Amino acid sequence: MADDNNQVQNGKLNIELTEEVAEGTYSNLAIISHSSSEFVLDFIKVMPGLPKAKVKSRIMMTPQHAKRLMRALQENLSKFESQNGAIKESDQPHFPMNFGGPQGEA
C-alpha cells in the first residue's frame, strides 16, 4: 500500500489492464444522460434488423471528468483527422431512435 502511495505522489500511476478488458467491447450507439452530480454513458451495440439492443457497458462520472473526457476526445479526433482526413458523418442514423426514456446524444 505504501508503494502505491509513493507512485501516485511521484506523479506515476500504475494502471492494470486485464486481458478481458483489453479485448474491448464494440459499441455503435452511446446514450448520454446526466443529473446535477453525474454523467451516465451507456454504450450499446445495435444490430441491423433486430428490434432490441442491450447496453454493453455503463460508465458513470462526475461533470468535471465528463468535461475532461470531451476535451480528450476533441484533441484525439483532431489529431486523427490531421493524419487521416476528415471523418465523414452520415445525415441519419441507420437504426430507430425511439427508445422512450431520456433523450441522449451519441
N, C-alpha and C. Protein backbone atom coordinates (compact mmCIF):
# COMPACT_ATOMS: atom_id res chain seq x y z
N MET A 1 0.83 -1.19 0.00
CA MET A 1 0.00 0.00 0.00
C MET A 1 0.87 1.25 0.00
N ALA A 2 1.93 1.25 0.79
CA ALA A 2 2.82 2.41 0.82
C ALA A 2 3.46 2.64 -0.54
N ASP A 3 3.78 1.55 -1.24
CA ASP A 3 4.37 1.67 -2.57
C ASP A 3 3.40 2.35 -3.54
N ASP A 4 2.11 2.00 -3.47
CA ASP A 4 1.10 2.64 -4.32
C ASP A 4 1.03 4.13 -4.05
N ASN A 5 1.06 4.52 -2.78
CA ASN A 5 1.01 5.93 -2.43
C ASN A 5 2.24 6.67 -2.94
N ASN A 6 3.41 6.04 -2.86
CA ASN A 6 4.63 6.66 -3.36
C ASN A 6 4.56 6.88 -4.85
N GLN A 7 4.02 5.91 -5.59
CA GLN A 7 3.92 6.05 -7.05
C GLN A 7 3.03 7.22 -7.42
N VAL A 8 1.90 7.37 -6.74
CA VAL A 8 0.99 8.48 -7.04
C VAL A 8 1.65 9.80 -6.67
N GLN A 9 2.33 9.85 -5.53
CA GLN A 9 2.99 11.08 -5.10
C GLN A 9 4.12 11.47 -6.03
N ASN A 10 4.79 10.51 -6.63
CA ASN A 10 5.88 10.79 -7.56
C ASN A 10 5.37 11.09 -8.98
N GLY A 11 4.06 11.22 -9.13
CA GLY A 11 3.50 11.53 -10.45
C GLY A 11 3.31 10.33 -11.35
N LYS A 12 3.39 9.14 -10.78
CA LYS A 12 3.21 7.92 -11.55
C LYS A 12 1.97 7.19 -11.04
N LEU A 13 1.25 6.60 -11.94
CA LEU A 13 0.08 5.81 -11.58
C LEU A 13 0.20 4.48 -12.30
N ASN A 14 0.17 3.40 -11.55
CA ASN A 14 0.27 2.06 -12.11
C ASN A 14 -1.14 1.62 -12.51
N ILE A 15 -1.40 1.53 -13.81
CA ILE A 15 -2.72 1.15 -14.31
C ILE A 15 -2.64 -0.27 -14.85
N GLU A 16 -3.56 -1.12 -14.38
CA GLU A 16 -3.60 -2.51 -14.82
C GLU A 16 -4.70 -2.69 -15.83
N LEU A 17 -4.40 -3.40 -16.90
CA LEU A 17 -5.37 -3.71 -17.94
C LEU A 17 -5.45 -5.23 -18.07
N THR A 18 -6.57 -5.80 -17.63
CA THR A 18 -6.73 -7.25 -17.70
C THR A 18 -6.95 -7.67 -19.15
N GLU A 19 -6.72 -8.95 -19.43
CA GLU A 19 -6.92 -9.46 -20.79
C GLU A 19 -8.36 -9.27 -21.24
N GLU A 20 -9.30 -9.54 -20.35
CA GLU A 20 -10.72 -9.43 -20.68
C GLU A 20 -11.09 -8.00 -21.07
N VAL A 21 -10.63 -7.04 -20.30
CA VAL A 21 -10.94 -5.64 -20.59
C VAL A 21 -10.18 -5.18 -21.84
N ALA A 22 -8.97 -5.68 -22.04
CA ALA A 22 -8.17 -5.30 -23.20
C ALA A 22 -8.82 -5.71 -24.51
N GLU A 23 -9.65 -6.76 -24.49
CA GLU A 23 -10.36 -7.18 -25.70
C GLU A 23 -11.34 -6.12 -26.17
N GLY A 24 -11.86 -5.33 -25.27
CA GLY A 24 -12.77 -4.25 -25.61
C GLY A 24 -14.18 -4.75 -25.86
N THR A 25 -15.09 -3.80 -25.97
CA THR A 25 -16.49 -4.07 -26.28
C THR A 25 -16.90 -3.13 -27.39
N TYR A 26 -17.41 -3.67 -28.48
CA TYR A 26 -17.82 -2.84 -29.61
C TYR A 26 -19.13 -2.14 -29.28
N SER A 27 -19.21 -0.87 -29.66
CA SER A 27 -20.43 -0.09 -29.48
C SER A 27 -20.63 0.79 -30.69
N ASN A 28 -21.87 0.86 -31.20
CA ASN A 28 -22.17 1.77 -32.30
C ASN A 28 -23.27 2.76 -31.92
N LEU A 29 -23.56 2.84 -30.62
CA LEU A 29 -24.52 3.81 -30.11
C LEU A 29 -24.17 4.15 -28.67
N ALA A 30 -24.19 5.42 -28.35
CA ALA A 30 -23.98 5.86 -26.97
C ALA A 30 -25.15 6.74 -26.57
N ILE A 31 -25.72 6.43 -25.42
CA ILE A 31 -26.79 7.25 -24.85
C ILE A 31 -26.19 7.97 -23.65
N ILE A 32 -26.29 9.27 -23.65
CA ILE A 32 -25.68 10.07 -22.58
C ILE A 32 -26.79 10.78 -21.82
N SER A 33 -26.81 10.59 -20.51
CA SER A 33 -27.76 11.30 -19.66
C SER A 33 -26.98 11.87 -18.48
N HIS A 34 -27.64 12.76 -17.74
CA HIS A 34 -26.93 13.38 -16.61
C HIS A 34 -27.90 13.86 -15.56
N SER A 35 -27.38 13.99 -14.36
CA SER A 35 -28.07 14.64 -13.25
C SER A 35 -27.21 15.82 -12.85
N SER A 36 -27.52 16.44 -11.75
CA SER A 36 -26.71 17.59 -11.32
C SER A 36 -25.33 17.16 -10.82
N SER A 37 -25.15 15.87 -10.53
CA SER A 37 -23.89 15.43 -9.94
C SER A 37 -23.13 14.38 -10.74
N GLU A 38 -23.74 13.83 -11.80
CA GLU A 38 -23.04 12.79 -12.56
C GLU A 38 -23.52 12.70 -13.99
N PHE A 39 -22.63 12.19 -14.84
CA PHE A 39 -22.96 11.87 -16.22
C PHE A 39 -22.97 10.35 -16.33
N VAL A 40 -23.91 9.83 -17.10
CA VAL A 40 -24.02 8.39 -17.33
C VAL A 40 -23.90 8.15 -18.83
N LEU A 41 -22.93 7.34 -19.22
CA LEU A 41 -22.72 6.99 -20.63
C LEU A 41 -23.03 5.51 -20.79
N ASP A 42 -24.08 5.20 -21.55
CA ASP A 42 -24.44 3.82 -21.85
C ASP A 42 -23.99 3.52 -23.26
N PHE A 43 -23.20 2.45 -23.40
CA PHE A 43 -22.68 2.03 -24.70
C PHE A 43 -23.43 0.78 -25.15
N ILE A 44 -23.97 0.84 -26.37
CA ILE A 44 -24.88 -0.17 -26.87
C ILE A 44 -24.38 -0.66 -28.23
N LYS A 45 -24.63 -1.94 -28.52
CA LYS A 45 -24.35 -2.48 -29.85
C LYS A 45 -25.69 -2.79 -30.51
N VAL A 46 -26.03 -2.01 -31.53
CA VAL A 46 -27.28 -2.20 -32.27
C VAL A 46 -26.97 -3.05 -33.49
N MET A 47 -27.75 -4.11 -33.68
CA MET A 47 -27.55 -4.99 -34.82
C MET A 47 -28.66 -4.75 -35.84
N PRO A 48 -28.32 -4.68 -37.13
CA PRO A 48 -29.33 -4.44 -38.17
C PRO A 48 -30.42 -5.50 -38.14
N GLY A 49 -31.66 -5.04 -38.26
CA GLY A 49 -32.79 -5.96 -38.34
C GLY A 49 -33.30 -6.48 -37.01
N LEU A 50 -32.61 -6.18 -35.93
CA LEU A 50 -33.07 -6.64 -34.62
C LEU A 50 -33.73 -5.47 -33.89
N PRO A 51 -34.93 -5.70 -33.36
CA PRO A 51 -35.67 -4.61 -32.72
C PRO A 51 -35.21 -4.31 -31.30
N LYS A 52 -34.26 -5.07 -30.80
CA LYS A 52 -33.85 -4.94 -29.41
C LYS A 52 -32.32 -4.86 -29.32
N ALA A 53 -31.83 -4.05 -28.41
CA ALA A 53 -30.38 -3.96 -28.19
C ALA A 53 -30.13 -3.80 -26.70
N LYS A 54 -29.04 -4.38 -26.24
CA LYS A 54 -28.71 -4.31 -24.81
C LYS A 54 -27.56 -3.36 -24.58
N VAL A 55 -27.59 -2.71 -23.42
CA VAL A 55 -26.46 -1.90 -23.00
C VAL A 55 -25.31 -2.86 -22.71
N LYS A 56 -24.16 -2.62 -23.34
CA LYS A 56 -22.99 -3.48 -23.16
C LYS A 56 -22.07 -2.97 -22.05
N SER A 57 -22.12 -1.65 -21.82
CA SER A 57 -21.26 -1.07 -20.79
C SER A 57 -21.86 0.25 -20.33
N ARG A 58 -21.77 0.53 -19.05
CA ARG A 58 -22.24 1.81 -18.49
C ARG A 58 -21.08 2.43 -17.72
N ILE A 59 -20.78 3.67 -18.05
CA ILE A 59 -19.74 4.42 -17.37
C ILE A 59 -20.38 5.63 -16.70
N MET A 60 -20.12 5.82 -15.43
CA MET A 60 -20.63 6.97 -14.70
C MET A 60 -19.45 7.82 -14.25
N MET A 61 -19.60 9.13 -14.34
CA MET A 61 -18.51 10.03 -13.97
C MET A 61 -19.04 11.38 -13.52
N THR A 62 -18.18 12.13 -12.87
CA THR A 62 -18.55 13.47 -12.42
C THR A 62 -18.61 14.41 -13.63
N PRO A 63 -19.31 15.53 -13.51
CA PRO A 63 -19.31 16.50 -14.61
C PRO A 63 -17.91 16.97 -14.98
N GLN A 64 -17.03 17.11 -13.99
CA GLN A 64 -15.65 17.53 -14.27
C GLN A 64 -14.92 16.50 -15.12
N HIS A 65 -15.10 15.22 -14.80
CA HIS A 65 -14.46 14.17 -15.60
C HIS A 65 -15.08 14.09 -16.99
N ALA A 66 -16.39 14.32 -17.10
CA ALA A 66 -17.05 14.32 -18.40
C ALA A 66 -16.46 15.42 -19.28
N LYS A 67 -16.19 16.57 -18.70
CA LYS A 67 -15.62 17.67 -19.47
C LYS A 67 -14.19 17.33 -19.91
N ARG A 68 -13.42 16.70 -19.04
CA ARG A 68 -12.06 16.28 -19.41
C ARG A 68 -12.11 15.23 -20.52
N LEU A 69 -13.07 14.31 -20.44
CA LEU A 69 -13.23 13.30 -21.48
C LEU A 69 -13.57 13.96 -22.81
N MET A 70 -14.48 14.94 -22.79
CA MET A 70 -14.85 15.65 -24.01
C MET A 70 -13.63 16.33 -24.63
N ARG A 71 -12.83 16.98 -23.82
CA ARG A 71 -11.62 17.64 -24.33
C ARG A 71 -10.64 16.63 -24.91
N ALA A 72 -10.47 15.51 -24.22
CA ALA A 72 -9.54 14.48 -24.70
C ALA A 72 -10.03 13.89 -26.03
N LEU A 73 -11.33 13.66 -26.15
CA LEU A 73 -11.89 13.16 -27.42
C LEU A 73 -11.70 14.19 -28.53
N GLN A 74 -11.96 15.47 -28.24
CA GLN A 74 -11.78 16.51 -29.26
C GLN A 74 -10.33 16.56 -29.73
N GLU A 75 -9.40 16.49 -28.78
CA GLU A 75 -7.98 16.54 -29.13
C GLU A 75 -7.59 15.33 -29.98
N ASN A 76 -8.06 14.15 -29.60
CA ASN A 76 -7.71 12.94 -30.34
C ASN A 76 -8.38 12.90 -31.71
N LEU A 77 -9.62 13.37 -31.81
CA LEU A 77 -10.27 13.45 -33.12
C LEU A 77 -9.53 14.41 -34.04
N SER A 78 -9.10 15.51 -33.49
CA SER A 78 -8.35 16.49 -34.27
C SER A 78 -7.04 15.88 -34.80
N LYS A 79 -6.32 15.18 -33.94
CA LYS A 79 -5.08 14.51 -34.35
C LYS A 79 -5.36 13.45 -35.41
N PHE A 80 -6.42 12.66 -35.20
CA PHE A 80 -6.79 11.61 -36.15
C PHE A 80 -7.07 12.22 -37.52
N GLU A 81 -7.89 13.28 -37.54
CA GLU A 81 -8.26 13.89 -38.82
C GLU A 81 -7.07 14.57 -39.50
N SER A 82 -6.13 15.09 -38.74
CA SER A 82 -4.96 15.70 -39.36
C SER A 82 -4.09 14.63 -40.03
N GLN A 83 -4.12 13.41 -39.53
CA GLN A 83 -3.34 12.32 -40.11
C GLN A 83 -4.10 11.54 -41.17
N ASN A 84 -5.43 11.46 -41.04
CA ASN A 84 -6.23 10.57 -41.89
C ASN A 84 -7.30 11.26 -42.72
N GLY A 85 -7.45 12.54 -42.58
CA GLY A 85 -8.50 13.25 -43.29
C GLY A 85 -9.76 13.34 -42.46
N ALA A 86 -10.67 14.19 -42.92
CA ALA A 86 -11.91 14.44 -42.18
C ALA A 86 -12.76 13.18 -42.08
N ILE A 87 -13.36 13.00 -40.93
CA ILE A 87 -14.29 11.90 -40.71
C ILE A 87 -15.64 12.35 -41.26
N LYS A 88 -16.20 11.54 -42.16
CA LYS A 88 -17.49 11.88 -42.75
C LYS A 88 -18.61 11.33 -41.88
N GLU A 89 -19.60 12.17 -41.61
CA GLU A 89 -20.75 11.75 -40.81
C GLU A 89 -21.95 11.56 -41.71
N SER A 90 -22.73 10.53 -41.43
CA SER A 90 -23.97 10.34 -42.18
C SER A 90 -25.03 11.27 -41.60
N ASP A 91 -26.01 11.63 -42.45
CA ASP A 91 -27.06 12.55 -42.00
C ASP A 91 -28.00 11.91 -41.00
N GLN A 92 -28.34 10.67 -41.20
CA GLN A 92 -29.31 9.99 -40.36
C GLN A 92 -28.70 8.72 -39.78
N PRO A 93 -29.06 8.39 -38.54
CA PRO A 93 -28.63 7.10 -38.01
C PRO A 93 -29.32 5.97 -38.77
N HIS A 94 -28.70 4.81 -38.81
CA HIS A 94 -29.23 3.68 -39.56
C HIS A 94 -30.09 2.75 -38.70
N PHE A 95 -30.58 3.26 -37.58
CA PHE A 95 -31.42 2.46 -36.69
C PHE A 95 -32.44 3.38 -36.04
N PRO A 96 -33.54 2.84 -35.55
CA PRO A 96 -34.57 3.68 -34.95
C PRO A 96 -34.08 4.30 -33.65
N MET A 97 -34.45 5.55 -33.43
CA MET A 97 -34.01 6.25 -32.23
C MET A 97 -35.18 6.49 -31.26
N ASN A 98 -36.22 5.68 -31.34
CA ASN A 98 -37.38 5.88 -30.48
C ASN A 98 -37.36 4.91 -29.31
N PHE A 99 -36.40 5.09 -28.42
CA PHE A 99 -36.23 4.19 -27.29
C PHE A 99 -37.21 4.46 -26.16
N GLY A 100 -37.79 5.67 -26.14
CA GLY A 100 -38.50 6.09 -24.95
C GLY A 100 -37.45 6.54 -23.95
N GLY A 101 -37.84 7.00 -22.80
CA GLY A 101 -36.87 7.42 -21.80
C GLY A 101 -36.19 8.72 -22.19
N PRO A 102 -35.14 9.10 -21.48
CA PRO A 102 -34.49 10.39 -21.72
C PRO A 102 -33.80 10.44 -23.07
N GLN A 103 -33.78 11.62 -23.65
CA GLN A 103 -33.10 11.82 -24.93
C GLN A 103 -31.60 11.85 -24.69
N GLY A 104 -30.85 11.12 -25.48
CA GLY A 104 -29.40 11.11 -25.37
C GLY A 104 -28.77 11.59 -26.65
N GLU A 105 -27.47 11.74 -26.60
CA GLU A 105 -26.72 12.13 -27.78
C GLU A 105 -25.58 11.17 -27.96
N ALA A 106 -25.25 10.90 -29.20
CA ALA A 106 -24.13 10.00 -29.47
C ALA A 106 -23.05 10.74 -30.19
